[in-house]
Amino acid sequence: MSIGEYRRFNSDRQLFFIQKCESFSTVQHR
């Protein structure tokens, strides 16, 4: 695994995590 691949994988995971947290918080607010 190269540095570029690792960074891309990390950012993808972070984006997914952020989206999950956002959707979870919006569900809680309703």
PDB file of N, CA and C in Angstrom:
ATOM      1  N   MET A   1       0.860  -1.201   0.000  1.00  0.00           N
ATOM      2  CA  MET A   1       0.000   0.000   0.000  1.00  0.00           C
ATOM      3  C   MET A   1       0.892   1.245   0.000  1.00  0.00           C
ATOM      4  N   SER A   2       0.687   2.086  -0.987  1.00  0.00           N
ATOM      5  CA  SER A   2       1.516   3.298  -1.076  1.00  0.00           C
ATOM      6  C   SER A   2       0.928   4.408  -0.210  1.00  0.00           C
ATOM      7  N   ILE A   3       1.717   5.461  -0.025  1.00  0.00           N
ATOM      8  CA  ILE A   3       1.253   6.589   0.807  1.00  0.00           C
ATOM      9  C   ILE A   3      -0.014   7.198   0.206  1.00  0.00           C
ATOM     10  N   GLY A   4      -0.038   7.400  -1.101  1.00  0.00           N
ATOM     11  CA  GLY A   4      -1.210   8.000  -1.754  1.00  0.00           C
ATOM     12  C   GLY A   4      -2.457   7.154  -1.534  1.00  0.00           C
ATOM     13  N   GLU A   5      -2.307   5.847  -1.701  1.00  0.00           N
ATOM     14  CA  GLU A   5      -3.459   4.963  -1.501  1.00  0.00           C
ATOM     15  C   GLU A   5      -3.944   5.030  -0.059  1.00  0.00           C
ATOM     16  N   TYR A   6      -2.994   5.022   0.878  1.00  0.00           N
ATOM     17  CA  TYR A   6      -3.362   5.066   2.297  1.00  0.00           C
ATOM     18  C   TYR A   6      -4.082   6.365   2.625  1.00  0.00           C
ATOM     19  N   ARG A   7      -3.562   7.485   2.097  1.00  0.00           N
ATOM     20  CA  ARG A   7      -4.196   8.784   2.395  1.00  0.00           C
ATOM     21  C   ARG A   7      -5.586   8.836   1.787  1.00  0.00           C
ATOM     22  N   ARG A   8      -5.730   8.299   0.572  1.00  0.00           N
ATOM     23  CA  ARG A   8      -7.052   8.316  -0.057  1.00  0.00           C
ATOM     24  C   ARG A   8      -8.019   7.444   0.742  1.00  0.00           C
ATOM     25  N   PHE A   9      -7.555   6.286   1.177  1.00  0.00           N
ATOM     26  CA  PHE A   9      -8.391   5.389   1.978  1.00  0.00           C
ATOM     27  C   PHE A   9      -8.784   6.062   3.288  1.00  0.00           C
ATOM     28  N   ASN A  10      -7.831   6.757   3.904  1.00  0.00           N
ATOM     29  CA  ASN A  10      -8.096   7.433   5.173  1.00  0.00           C
ATOM     30  C   ASN A  10      -9.143   8.531   4.988  1.00  0.00           C
ATOM     31  N   SER A  11      -8.990   9.348   3.935  1.00  0.00           N
ATOM     32  CA  SER A  11      -9.937  10.443   3.710  1.00  0.00           C
ATOM     33  C   SER A  11     -11.318   9.879   3.397  1.00  0.00           C
ATOM     34  N   ASP A  12     -11.371   8.780   2.630  1.00  0.00           N
ATOM     35  CA  ASP A  12     -12.666   8.163   2.326  1.00  0.00           C
ATOM     36  C   ASP A  12     -13.343   7.705   3.611  1.00  0.00           C
ATOM     37  N   ARG A  13     -12.555   7.086   4.507  1.00  0.00           N
ATOM     38  CA  ARG A  13     -13.121   6.608   5.765  1.00  0.00           C
ATOM     39  C   ARG A  13     -13.598   7.780   6.607  1.00  0.00           C
ATOM     40  N   GLN A  14     -12.821   8.870   6.614  1.00  0.00           N
ATOM     41  CA  GLN A  14     -13.220  10.045   7.399  1.00  0.00           C
ATOM     42  C   GLN A  14     -14.517  10.632   6.845  1.00  0.00           C
ATOM     43  N   LEU A  15     -14.616  10.728   5.511  1.00  0.00           N
ATOM     44  CA  LEU A  15     -15.829  11.270   4.900  1.00  0.00           C
ATOM     45  C   LEU A  15     -17.032  10.414   5.280  1.00  0.00           C
ATOM     46  N   PHE A  16     -16.874   9.103   5.201  1.00  0.00           N
ATOM     47  CA  PHE A  16     -17.971   8.201   5.549  1.00  0.00           C
ATOM     48  C   PHE A  16     -18.367   8.382   7.010  1.00  0.00           C
ATOM     49  N   PHE A  17     -17.361   8.489   7.881  1.00  0.00           N
ATOM     50  CA  PHE A  17     -17.625   8.659   9.311  1.00  0.00           C
ATOM     51  C   PHE A  17     -18.356   9.974   9.569  1.00  0.00           C
ATOM     52  N   ILE A  18     -17.910  11.053   8.902  1.00  0.00           N
ATOM     53  CA  ILE A  18     -18.542  12.365   9.090  1.00  0.00           C
ATOM     54  C   ILE A  18     -19.990  12.315   8.612  1.00  0.00           C
ATOM     55  N   GLN A  19     -20.225  11.703   7.447  1.00  0.00           N
ATOM     56  CA  GLN A  19     -21.590  11.609   6.927  1.00  0.00           C
ATOM     57  C   GLN A  19     -22.467  10.818   7.891  1.00  0.00           C
ATOM     58  N   LYS A  20     -21.911   9.739   8.461  1.00  0.00           N
ATOM     59  CA  LYS A  20     -22.672   8.925   9.397  1.00  0.00           C
ATOM     60  C   LYS A  20     -23.040   9.747  10.628  1.00  0.00           C
ATOM     61  N   CYS A  21     -22.072  10.506  11.140  1.00  0.00           N
ATOM     62  CA  CYS A  21     -22.328  11.328  12.329  1.00  0.00           C
ATOM     63  C   CYS A  21     -23.374  12.395  12.023  1.00  0.00           C
ATOM     64  N   GLU A  22     -23.269  13.011  10.842  1.00  0.00           N
ATOM     65  CA  GLU A  22     -24.220  14.067  10.484  1.00  0.00           C
ATOM     66  C   GLU A  22     -25.628  13.495  10.381  1.00  0.00           C
ATOM     67  N   SER A  23     -25.776  12.364   9.710  1.00  0.00           N
ATOM     68  CA  SER A  23     -27.102  11.773   9.556  1.00  0.00           C
ATOM     69  C   SER A  23     -27.640  11.352  10.922  1.00  0.00           C
ATOM     70  N   PHE A  24     -26.769  10.848  11.779  1.00  0.00           N
ATOM     71  CA  PHE A  24     -27.185  10.427  13.118  1.00  0.00           C
ATOM     72  C   PHE A  24     -27.678  11.630  13.919  1.00  0.00           C
ATOM     73  N   SER A  25     -26.952  12.747  13.843  1.00  0.00           N
ATOM     74  CA  SER A  25     -27.341  13.937  14.607  1.00  0.00           C
ATOM     75  C   SER A  25     -28.650  14.508  14.067  1.00  0.00           C
ATOM     76  N   THR A  26     -28.823  14.494  12.737  1.00  0.00           N
ATOM     77  CA  THR A  26     -30.063  15.029  12.175  1.00  0.00           C
ATOM     78  C   THR A  26     -31.235  14.152  12.603  1.00  0.00           C
ATOM     79  N   VAL A  27     -31.023  12.849  12.688  1.00  0.00           N
ATOM     80  CA  VAL A  27     -32.095  11.948  13.129  1.00  0.00           C
ATOM     81  C   VAL A  27     -32.448  12.246  14.581  1.00  0.00           C
ATOM     82  N   GLN A  28     -31.444  12.519  15.399  1.00  0.00           N
ATOM     83  CA  GLN A  28     -31.701  12.798  16.814  1.00  0.00           C
ATOM     84  C   GLN A  28     -32.460  14.114  16.990  1.00  0.00           C
ATOM     85  N   HIS A  29     -32.193  15.085  16.115  1.00  0.00           N
ATOM     86  CA  HIS A  29     -32.814  16.406  16.285  1.00  0.00           C
ATOM     87  C   HIS A  29     -34.311  16.359  16.001  1.00  0.00           C
ATOM     88  N   ARG A  30     -34.776  15.367  15.236  1.00  0.00           N
ATOM     89  CA  ARG A  30     -36.200  15.365  14.871  1.00  0.00           C
ATOM     90  C   ARG A  30     -37.057  14.738  15.957  1.00  0.00           C
TER      91      ARG A  30
END
